[in-house]
């Protein structure tokens, strides 16, 4: 049996990208995916034992294949990844495939070089998670300091804010909540169908610099302005790219 595991946040675009990468890898090799198992809205820091991933490995046996788009989909904790491989996949003699790392591993016969590679990759996954958390906390701390020093700060939409989040005990009006929900849904639908947003997500996932991503986006816009444009029909700018990058990185 061949299983594919996908972990993603609330960003459906990430779900589709992982599925596409797995299918593109399996098709030329004549491999048929018997089942896609997913964990939606689950952080990579959550132990595999608390995810659908644990239920999946429990039913796997010798010769079964587990395919993921990248090692971080299995988790971003070095210790947890080590337990998953040594205590679950190895005794079950499962074949593990990590597409973006070009890693095809027979867990029943793990060699020293394989363990070294897995250690390196799991270290990188954990480090990335900690960097994301650090950047998020730094942004929060900076806003707290601005509130303390200047009485507030300007949001990304240029709105003056005097506190973080919603004031305690207050609720958004019903119409406001409905409008906000509709706007979020519309934005999500646009992202899911946007060739530009998909390209940016893929490039960020592959570690391409924002400078190179912007240059590529502008080249694509010159050739296909109606396809590789932002939601308002304009070419991608640095500000929009930076905002998208933060959204994508936090959702990883």
C-alpha atoms as a PDB file:
ATOM      1  CA  UNK A   1       0.000   0.000   0.000  1.00  0.00           C
ATOM      2  CA  UNK A   2       1.135   3.531  -0.772  1.00  0.00           C
ATOM      3  CA  UNK A   3       0.075   6.367   1.500  1.00  0.00           C
ATOM      4  CA  UNK A   4       0.618  10.101   1.200  1.00  0.00           C
ATOM      5  CA  UNK A   5       0.620  12.303   4.261  1.00  0.00           C
ATOM      6  CA  UNK A   6      -0.201  15.996   4.030  1.00  0.00           C
ATOM      7  CA  UNK A   7      -0.090  18.526   6.864  1.00  0.00           C
ATOM      8  CA  UNK A   8      -1.194  22.097   6.276  1.00  0.00           C
ATOM      9  CA  UNK A   9      -2.612  25.102   8.065  1.00  0.00           C
ATOM     10  CA  UNK A  10      -5.890  26.728   7.059  1.00  0.00           C
ATOM     11  CA  UNK A  11      -4.302  27.652   3.732  1.00  0.00           C
ATOM     12  CA  UNK A  12      -5.925  25.286   1.201  1.00  0.00           C
ATOM     13  CA  UNK A  13      -3.373  26.409  -1.358  1.00  0.00           C
ATOM     14  CA  UNK A  14      -0.694  24.571   0.627  1.00  0.00           C
ATOM     15  CA  UNK A  15      -2.837  21.424   0.595  1.00  0.00           C
ATOM     16  CA  UNK A  16      -3.157  21.528  -3.190  1.00  0.00           C
ATOM     17  CA  UNK A  17       0.556  22.208  -3.676  1.00  0.00           C
ATOM     18  CA  UNK A  18       1.548  19.196  -1.581  1.00  0.00           C
ATOM     19  CA  UNK A  19      -0.917  16.941  -3.406  1.00  0.00           C
ATOM     20  CA  UNK A  20       0.360  18.138  -6.768  1.00  0.00           C
ATOM     21  CA  UNK A  21       4.011  17.551  -5.823  1.00  0.00           C
ATOM     22  CA  UNK A  22       3.236  14.020  -4.653  1.00  0.00           C
ATOM     23  CA  UNK A  23       1.226  13.137  -7.754  1.00  0.00           C
ATOM     24  CA  UNK A  24       3.925  14.506 -10.063  1.00  0.00           C
ATOM     25  CA  UNK A  25       6.510  12.343  -8.295  1.00  0.00           C
ATOM     26  CA  UNK A  26       4.398   9.166  -8.285  1.00  0.00           C
ATOM     27  CA  UNK A  27       2.979   9.277 -11.828  1.00  0.00           C
ATOM     28  CA  UNK A  28       6.197   8.773 -13.883  1.00  0.00           C
ATOM     29  CA  UNK A  29       7.224   5.978 -11.501  1.00  0.00           C
ATOM     30  CA  UNK A  30       3.984   4.107 -11.991  1.00  0.00           C
ATOM     31  CA  UNK A  31       3.107   4.425  -8.297  1.00  0.00           C
ATOM     32  CA  UNK A  32      -0.573   4.646  -7.386  1.00  0.00           C
ATOM     33  CA  UNK A  33      -1.494   6.511  -4.206  1.00  0.00           C
ATOM     34  CA  UNK A  34      -3.937   4.320  -2.292  1.00  0.00           C
ATOM     35  CA  UNK A  35      -4.837   6.930   0.307  1.00  0.00           C
ATOM     36  CA  UNK A  36      -4.182  10.585   1.139  1.00  0.00           C
ATOM     37  CA  UNK A  37      -4.130  11.229   4.890  1.00  0.00           C
ATOM     38  CA  UNK A  38      -4.315  14.846   6.044  1.00  0.00           C
ATOM     39  CA  UNK A  39      -3.909  16.981   9.153  1.00  0.00           C
ATOM     40  CA  UNK A  40      -5.439  20.419   8.677  1.00  0.00           C
ATOM     41  CA  UNK A  41      -4.656  23.370  10.906  1.00  0.00           C
ATOM     42  CA  UNK A  42      -2.005  21.402  12.811  1.00  0.00           C
ATOM     43  CA  UNK A  43       1.366  22.925  13.695  1.00  0.00           C
ATOM     44  CA  UNK A  44       4.516  20.973  12.939  1.00  0.00           C
ATOM     45  CA  UNK A  45       5.368  21.263  16.621  1.00  0.00           C
ATOM     46  CA  UNK A  46       2.471  18.971  17.576  1.00  0.00           C
ATOM     47  CA  UNK A  47       3.652  15.416  18.236  1.00  0.00           C
ATOM     48  CA  UNK A  48       2.873  12.845  15.557  1.00  0.00           C
ATOM     49  CA  UNK A  49       1.053  10.847  18.256  1.00  0.00           C
ATOM     50  CA  UNK A  50      -1.576  13.589  18.466  1.00  0.00           C
ATOM     51  CA  UNK A  51      -2.241  13.677  14.723  1.00  0.00           C
ATOM     52  CA  UNK A  52      -3.840  11.535  12.043  1.00  0.00           C
ATOM     53  CA  UNK A  53      -0.276  10.622  11.128  1.00  0.00           C
ATOM     54  CA  UNK A  54      -0.133   8.305  14.151  1.00  0.00           C
ATOM     55  CA  UNK A  55      -3.314   6.488  13.074  1.00  0.00           C
ATOM     56  CA  UNK A  56      -1.791   6.090   9.617  1.00  0.00           C
ATOM     57  CA  UNK A  57       1.528   4.557  10.691  1.00  0.00           C
ATOM     58  CA  UNK A  58      -0.292   2.165  13.019  1.00  0.00           C
ATOM     59  CA  UNK A  59      -1.818   0.384  10.033  1.00  0.00           C
ATOM     60  CA  UNK A  60       1.302   0.364   7.866  1.00  0.00           C
ATOM     61  CA  UNK A  61       3.428  -2.733   7.383  1.00  0.00           C
ATOM     62  CA  UNK A  62       6.475  -4.149   5.540  1.00  0.00           C
ATOM     63  CA  UNK A  63       6.773  -2.813   2.001  1.00  0.00           C
ATOM     64  CA  UNK A  64       4.277   0.008   2.496  1.00  0.00           C
ATOM     65  CA  UNK A  65       5.330   3.444   1.229  1.00  0.00           C
ATOM     66  CA  UNK A  66       4.837   6.748   3.040  1.00  0.00           C
ATOM     67  CA  UNK A  67       5.231   9.793   0.765  1.00  0.00           C
ATOM     68  CA  UNK A  68       5.493  13.412   1.955  1.00  0.00           C
ATOM     69  CA  UNK A  69       6.377  16.539   0.011  1.00  0.00           C
ATOM     70  CA  UNK A  70       9.048  17.484   2.564  1.00  0.00           C
ATOM     71  CA  UNK A  71      10.357  16.319   5.943  1.00  0.00           C
ATOM     72  CA  UNK A  72       8.787  19.249   7.819  1.00  0.00           C
ATOM     73  CA  UNK A  73       5.321  17.870   6.980  1.00  0.00           C
ATOM     74  CA  UNK A  74       6.089  15.008   9.378  1.00  0.00           C
ATOM     75  CA  UNK A  75       7.079  17.475  12.085  1.00  0.00           C
ATOM     76  CA  UNK A  76       9.421  20.244  13.140  1.00  0.00           C
ATOM     77  CA  UNK A  77      10.725  18.657  16.335  1.00  0.00           C
ATOM     78  CA  UNK A  78      14.001  16.742  16.081  1.00  0.00           C
ATOM     79  CA  UNK A  79      13.138  14.420  18.953  1.00  0.00           C
ATOM     80  CA  UNK A  80       9.650  13.723  17.628  1.00  0.00           C
ATOM     81  CA  UNK A  81      10.895  12.968  14.119  1.00  0.00           C
ATOM     82  CA  UNK A  82      13.501  10.618  15.547  1.00  0.00           C
ATOM     83  CA  UNK A  83      10.837   8.729  17.527  1.00  0.00           C
ATOM     84  CA  UNK A  84       8.565   8.527  14.487  1.00  0.00           C
ATOM     85  CA  UNK A  85      11.261   6.964  12.327  1.00  0.00           C
ATOM     86  CA  UNK A  86      12.997   4.712  14.870  1.00  0.00           C
ATOM     87  CA  UNK A  87       9.944   3.546  16.839  1.00  0.00           C
ATOM     88  CA  UNK A  88       7.248   3.522  14.167  1.00  0.00           C
ATOM     89  CA  UNK A  89       8.599   3.368  10.614  1.00  0.00           C
ATOM     90  CA  UNK A  90      11.741   1.293  11.197  1.00  0.00           C
ATOM     91  CA  UNK A  91      10.119  -1.675  13.022  1.00  0.00           C
ATOM     92  CA  UNK A  92       7.298  -1.690  10.467  1.00  0.00           C
ATOM     93  CA  UNK A  93       9.864  -1.751   7.610  1.00  0.00           C
ATOM     94  CA  UNK A  94       8.225   1.193   5.871  1.00  0.00           C
ATOM     95  CA  UNK A  95       9.706   2.989   2.876  1.00  0.00           C
ATOM     96  CA  UNK A  96       9.796   6.764   3.424  1.00  0.00           C
ATOM     97  CA  UNK A  97       9.908   9.198   0.505  1.00  0.00           C
ATOM     98  CA  UNK A  98      10.527  12.950   0.999  1.00  0.00           C
ATOM     99  CA  UNK A  99      10.164  14.511  -2.432  1.00  0.00           C
ATOM    100  CA  UNK A 100      11.822  17.924  -2.061  1.00  0.00           C
ATOM    101  CA  UNK A 101      14.848  16.357  -0.381  1.00  0.00           C
ATOM    102  CA  UNK A 102      15.072  13.643  -3.039  1.00  0.00           C
ATOM    103  CA  UNK A 103      15.158  11.191  -0.124  1.00  0.00           C
ATOM    104  CA  UNK A 104      13.981   7.605  -0.662  1.00  0.00           C
ATOM    105  CA  UNK A 105      14.676   5.689   2.535  1.00  0.00           C
ATOM    106  CA  UNK A 106      14.199   2.032   3.464  1.00  0.00           C
ATOM    107  CA  UNK A 107      13.552   2.526   7.175  1.00  0.00           C
ATOM    108  CA  UNK A 108      14.222  -1.171   7.882  1.00  0.00           C
ATOM    109  CA  UNK A 109      17.862  -0.726   6.791  1.00  0.00           C
ATOM    110  CA  UNK A 110      18.831   2.741   7.950  1.00  0.00           C
ATOM    111  CA  UNK A 111      22.562   3.367   7.555  1.00  0.00           C
ATOM    112  CA  UNK A 112      24.777   5.862   9.371  1.00  0.00           C
ATOM    113  CA  UNK A 113      24.678   8.280   6.426  1.00  0.00           C
ATOM    114  CA  UNK A 114      20.867   8.109   6.419  1.00  0.00           C
ATOM    115  CA  UNK A 115      20.745   8.942  10.129  1.00  0.00           C
ATOM    116  CA  UNK A 116      23.092  11.877   9.563  1.00  0.00           C
ATOM    117  CA  UNK A 117      20.910  13.232   6.746  1.00  0.00           C
ATOM    118  CA  UNK A 118      17.736  12.834   8.795  1.00  0.00           C
ATOM    119  CA  UNK A 119      19.388  14.602  11.724  1.00  0.00           C
ATOM    120  CA  UNK A 120      20.425  17.491   9.483  1.00  0.00           C
ATOM    121  CA  UNK A 121      17.006  17.840   7.871  1.00  0.00           C
ATOM    122  CA  UNK A 122      15.103  17.581  11.156  1.00  0.00           C
ATOM    123  CA  UNK A 123      17.462  20.167  12.676  1.00  0.00           C
ATOM    124  CA  UNK A 124      16.722  22.533   9.773  1.00  0.00           C
ATOM    125  CA  UNK A 125      12.965  21.974  10.174  1.00  0.00           C
ATOM    126  CA  UNK A 126      13.086  22.738  13.900  1.00  0.00           C
ATOM    127  CA  UNK A 127      15.314  25.770  13.357  1.00  0.00           C
ATOM    128  CA  UNK A 128      12.904  27.163  10.758  1.00  0.00           C
ATOM    129  CA  UNK A 129      10.000  26.746  13.182  1.00  0.00           C
ATOM    130  CA  UNK A 130      11.887  28.567  15.929  1.00  0.00           C
ATOM    131  CA  UNK A 131      12.843  31.397  13.545  1.00  0.00           C
ATOM    132  CA  UNK A 132       9.208  31.844  12.518  1.00  0.00           C
ATOM    133  CA  UNK A 133       8.160  31.975  16.162  1.00  0.00           C
ATOM    134  CA  UNK A 134      10.954  34.439  16.900  1.00  0.00           C
ATOM    135  CA  UNK A 135       9.932  36.765  14.052  1.00  0.00           C
ATOM    136  CA  UNK A 136       6.305  36.651  15.160  1.00  0.00           C
ATOM    137  CA  UNK A 137       7.213  37.421  18.767  1.00  0.00           C
ATOM    138  CA  UNK A 138       9.554  40.230  17.664  1.00  0.00           C
ATOM    139  CA  UNK A 139       6.702  41.850  15.739  1.00  0.00           C
ATOM    140  CA  UNK A 140       4.428  41.607  18.783  1.00  0.00           C
ATOM    141  CA  UNK A 141       7.107  43.034  21.076  1.00  0.00           C
ATOM    142  CA  UNK A 142       7.728  45.931  18.673  1.00  0.00           C
ATOM    143  CA  UNK A 143       4.026  46.805  18.640  1.00  0.00           C
ATOM    144  CA  UNK A 144       3.821  46.614  22.431  1.00  0.00           C
ATOM    145  CA  UNK A 145       6.779  48.990  22.658  1.00  0.00           C
ATOM    146  CA  UNK A 146       5.149  51.372  20.143  1.00  0.00           C
ATOM    147  CA  UNK A 147       1.949  51.395  22.199  1.00  0.00           C
ATOM    148  CA  UNK A 148       3.946  52.113  25.359  1.00  0.00           C
ATOM    149  CA  UNK A 149       6.100  54.811  23.751  1.00  0.00           C
ATOM    150  CA  UNK A 150       3.809  56.442  21.161  1.00  0.00           C
ATOM    151  CA  UNK A 151       0.373  55.371  22.282  1.00  0.00           C
ATOM    152  CA  UNK A 152      -0.180  53.131  19.270  1.00  0.00           C
ATOM    153  CA  UNK A 153       1.054  51.924  15.902  1.00  0.00           C
ATOM    154  CA  UNK A 154      -0.053  51.842  12.273  1.00  0.00           C
ATOM    155  CA  UNK A 155      -1.323  48.473  11.045  1.00  0.00           C
ATOM    156  CA  UNK A 156      -0.589  47.021   7.607  1.00  0.00           C
ATOM    157  CA  UNK A 157      -3.770  48.705   6.380  1.00  0.00           C
ATOM    158  CA  UNK A 158      -2.571  52.062   7.776  1.00  0.00           C
ATOM    159  CA  UNK A 159      -5.105  51.927  10.617  1.00  0.00           C
ATOM    160  CA  UNK A 160      -3.999  53.508  13.906  1.00  0.00           C
ATOM    161  CA  UNK A 161      -4.166  50.884  16.664  1.00  0.00           C
ATOM    162  CA  UNK A 162      -3.845  51.600  20.368  1.00  0.00           C
ATOM    163  CA  UNK A 163      -3.917  47.964  21.541  1.00  0.00           C
ATOM    164  CA  UNK A 164      -3.171  44.448  20.323  1.00  0.00           C
ATOM    165  CA  UNK A 165      -6.161  42.347  19.309  1.00  0.00           C
ATOM    166  CA  UNK A 166      -9.714  43.188  20.287  1.00  0.00           C
ATOM    167  CA  UNK A 167     -10.410  45.018  23.507  1.00  0.00           C
ATOM    168  CA  UNK A 168     -11.421  42.671  26.303  1.00  0.00           C
ATOM    169  CA  UNK A 169     -15.185  42.307  26.610  1.00  0.00           C
ATOM    170  CA  UNK A 170     -15.963  43.755  23.168  1.00  0.00           C
ATOM    171  CA  UNK A 171     -17.423  42.007  20.180  1.00  0.00           C
ATOM    172  CA  UNK A 172     -17.523  42.991  16.559  1.00  0.00           C
ATOM    173  CA  UNK A 173     -20.990  43.979  15.318  1.00  0.00           C
ATOM    174  CA  UNK A 174     -22.840  41.189  13.523  1.00  0.00           C
ATOM    175  CA  UNK A 175     -22.705  42.978  10.204  1.00  0.00           C
ATOM    176  CA  UNK A 176     -19.007  43.687  10.692  1.00  0.00           C
ATOM    177  CA  UNK A 177     -18.257  40.061  11.440  1.00  0.00           C
ATOM    178  CA  UNK A 178     -20.246  38.899   8.426  1.00  0.00           C
ATOM    179  CA  UNK A 179     -18.507  41.417   6.194  1.00  0.00           C
ATOM    180  CA  UNK A 180     -15.120  40.371   7.508  1.00  0.00           C
ATOM    181  CA  UNK A 181     -15.897  36.686   7.004  1.00  0.00           C
ATOM    182  CA  UNK A 182     -17.059  37.354   3.440  1.00  0.00           C
ATOM    183  CA  UNK A 183     -13.920  39.373   2.689  1.00  0.00           C
ATOM    184  CA  UNK A 184     -11.677  36.608   4.075  1.00  0.00           C
ATOM    185  CA  UNK A 185     -13.505  33.979   2.045  1.00  0.00           C
ATOM    186  CA  UNK A 186     -13.230  36.051  -1.123  1.00  0.00           C
ATOM    187  CA  UNK A 187      -9.505  36.647  -0.528  1.00  0.00           C
ATOM    188  CA  UNK A 188      -8.956  32.930   0.074  1.00  0.00           C
ATOM    189  CA  UNK A 189     -10.771  32.016  -3.128  1.00  0.00           C
ATOM    190  CA  UNK A 190      -8.617  34.480  -5.064  1.00  0.00           C
ATOM    191  CA  UNK A 191      -5.404  33.041  -3.591  1.00  0.00           C
ATOM    192  CA  UNK A 192      -6.486  29.470  -4.419  1.00  0.00           C
ATOM    193  CA  UNK A 193      -6.965  30.393  -8.062  1.00  0.00           C
ATOM    194  CA  UNK A 194      -4.086  32.843  -8.461  1.00  0.00           C
ATOM    195  CA  UNK A 195      -1.131  31.717 -10.570  1.00  0.00           C
ATOM    196  CA  UNK A 196       0.938  34.554  -9.079  1.00  0.00           C
ATOM    197  CA  UNK A 197       0.236  33.591  -5.453  1.00  0.00           C
ATOM    198  CA  UNK A 198       0.937  29.930  -6.256  1.00  0.00           C
ATOM    199  CA  UNK A 199       4.268  30.856  -7.853  1.00  0.00           C
ATOM    200  CA  UNK A 200       5.256  32.966  -4.839  1.00  0.00           C
ATOM    201  CA  UNK A 201       4.338  30.159  -2.422  1.00  0.00           C
ATOM    202  CA  UNK A 202       6.385  27.621  -4.378  1.00  0.00           C
ATOM    203  CA  UNK A 203       9.421  29.900  -4.588  1.00  0.00           C
ATOM    204  CA  UNK A 204       9.318  30.665  -0.858  1.00  0.00           C
ATOM    205  CA  UNK A 205       9.012  26.940  -0.095  1.00  0.00           C
ATOM    206  CA  UNK A 206      12.190  26.381  -2.135  1.00  0.00           C
ATOM    207  CA  UNK A 207      14.106  29.110  -0.287  1.00  0.00           C
ATOM    208  CA  UNK A 208      14.264  31.624  -3.171  1.00  0.00           C
ATOM    209  CA  UNK A 209      14.996  35.184  -2.029  1.00  0.00           C
ATOM    210  CA  UNK A 210      12.231  37.774  -2.169  1.00  0.00           C
ATOM    211  CA  UNK A 211      14.361  39.893  -4.510  1.00  0.00           C
ATOM    212  CA  UNK A 212      14.526  37.054  -7.062  1.00  0.00           C
ATOM    213  CA  UNK A 213      10.833  36.235  -6.586  1.00  0.00           C
ATOM    214  CA  UNK A 214       9.858  39.845  -7.318  1.00  0.00           C
ATOM    215  CA  UNK A 215      12.041  39.924 -10.429  1.00  0.00           C
ATOM    216  CA  UNK A 216      10.450  36.708 -11.704  1.00  0.00           C
ATOM    217  CA  UNK A 217       6.953  38.003 -10.946  1.00  0.00           C
ATOM    218  CA  UNK A 218       7.574  41.190 -12.937  1.00  0.00           C
ATOM    219  CA  UNK A 219       8.913  39.194 -15.901  1.00  0.00           C
ATOM    220  CA  UNK A 220       5.823  36.988 -15.858  1.00  0.00           C
ATOM    221  CA  UNK A 221       3.576  40.046 -15.569  1.00  0.00           C
ATOM    222  CA  UNK A 222       5.132  41.589 -18.675  1.00  0.00           C
ATOM    223  CA  UNK A 223       4.305  38.440 -20.662  1.00  0.00           C
ATOM    224  CA  UNK A 224       0.944  37.615 -19.075  1.00  0.00           C
ATOM    225  CA  UNK A 225      -0.402  40.684 -17.224  1.00  0.00           C
ATOM    226  CA  UNK A 226      -3.906  39.258 -16.814  1.00  0.00           C
ATOM    227  CA  UNK A 227      -2.611  36.048 -15.204  1.00  0.00           C
ATOM    228  CA  UNK A 228       0.363  37.080 -13.072  1.00  0.00           C
ATOM    229  CA  UNK A 229      -1.210  40.106 -11.415  1.00  0.00           C
ATOM    230  CA  UNK A 230      -2.317  40.924  -7.894  1.00  0.00           C
ATOM    231  CA  UNK A 231      -5.950  40.952  -6.829  1.00  0.00           C
ATOM    232  CA  UNK A 232      -6.363  44.547  -8.041  1.00  0.00           C
ATOM    233  CA  UNK A 233      -4.873  43.725 -11.456  1.00  0.00           C
ATOM    234  CA  UNK A 234      -1.506  45.361 -10.820  1.00  0.00           C
ATOM    235  CA  UNK A 235       2.027  43.894 -10.912  1.00  0.00           C
ATOM    236  CA  UNK A 236       3.438  42.521  -7.685  1.00  0.00           C
ATOM    237  CA  UNK A 237       5.193  45.124  -5.534  1.00  0.00           C
ATOM    238  CA  UNK A 238       7.666  44.737  -2.693  1.00  0.00           C
ATOM    239  CA  UNK A 239       5.118  45.576   0.025  1.00  0.00           C
ATOM    240  CA  UNK A 240       2.589  43.001  -1.173  1.00  0.00           C
ATOM    241  CA  UNK A 241       5.296  40.360  -1.574  1.00  0.00           C
ATOM    242  CA  UNK A 242       6.554  40.957   1.977  1.00  0.00           C
ATOM    243  CA  UNK A 243       3.021  40.614   3.344  1.00  0.00           C
ATOM    244  CA  UNK A 244       2.404  37.408   1.399  1.00  0.00           C
ATOM    245  CA  UNK A 245       5.745  35.996   2.549  1.00  0.00           C
ATOM    246  CA  UNK A 246       4.824  36.536   6.195  1.00  0.00           C
ATOM    247  CA  UNK A 247       1.406  34.904   5.665  1.00  0.00           C
ATOM    248  CA  UNK A 248       2.949  31.902   3.905  1.00  0.00           C
ATOM    249  CA  UNK A 249       5.765  31.443   6.433  1.00  0.00           C
ATOM    250  CA  UNK A 250       3.433  31.615   9.415  1.00  0.00           C
ATOM    251  CA  UNK A 251       1.139  29.093   7.742  1.00  0.00           C
ATOM    252  CA  UNK A 252       4.007  26.557   7.042  1.00  0.00           C
END
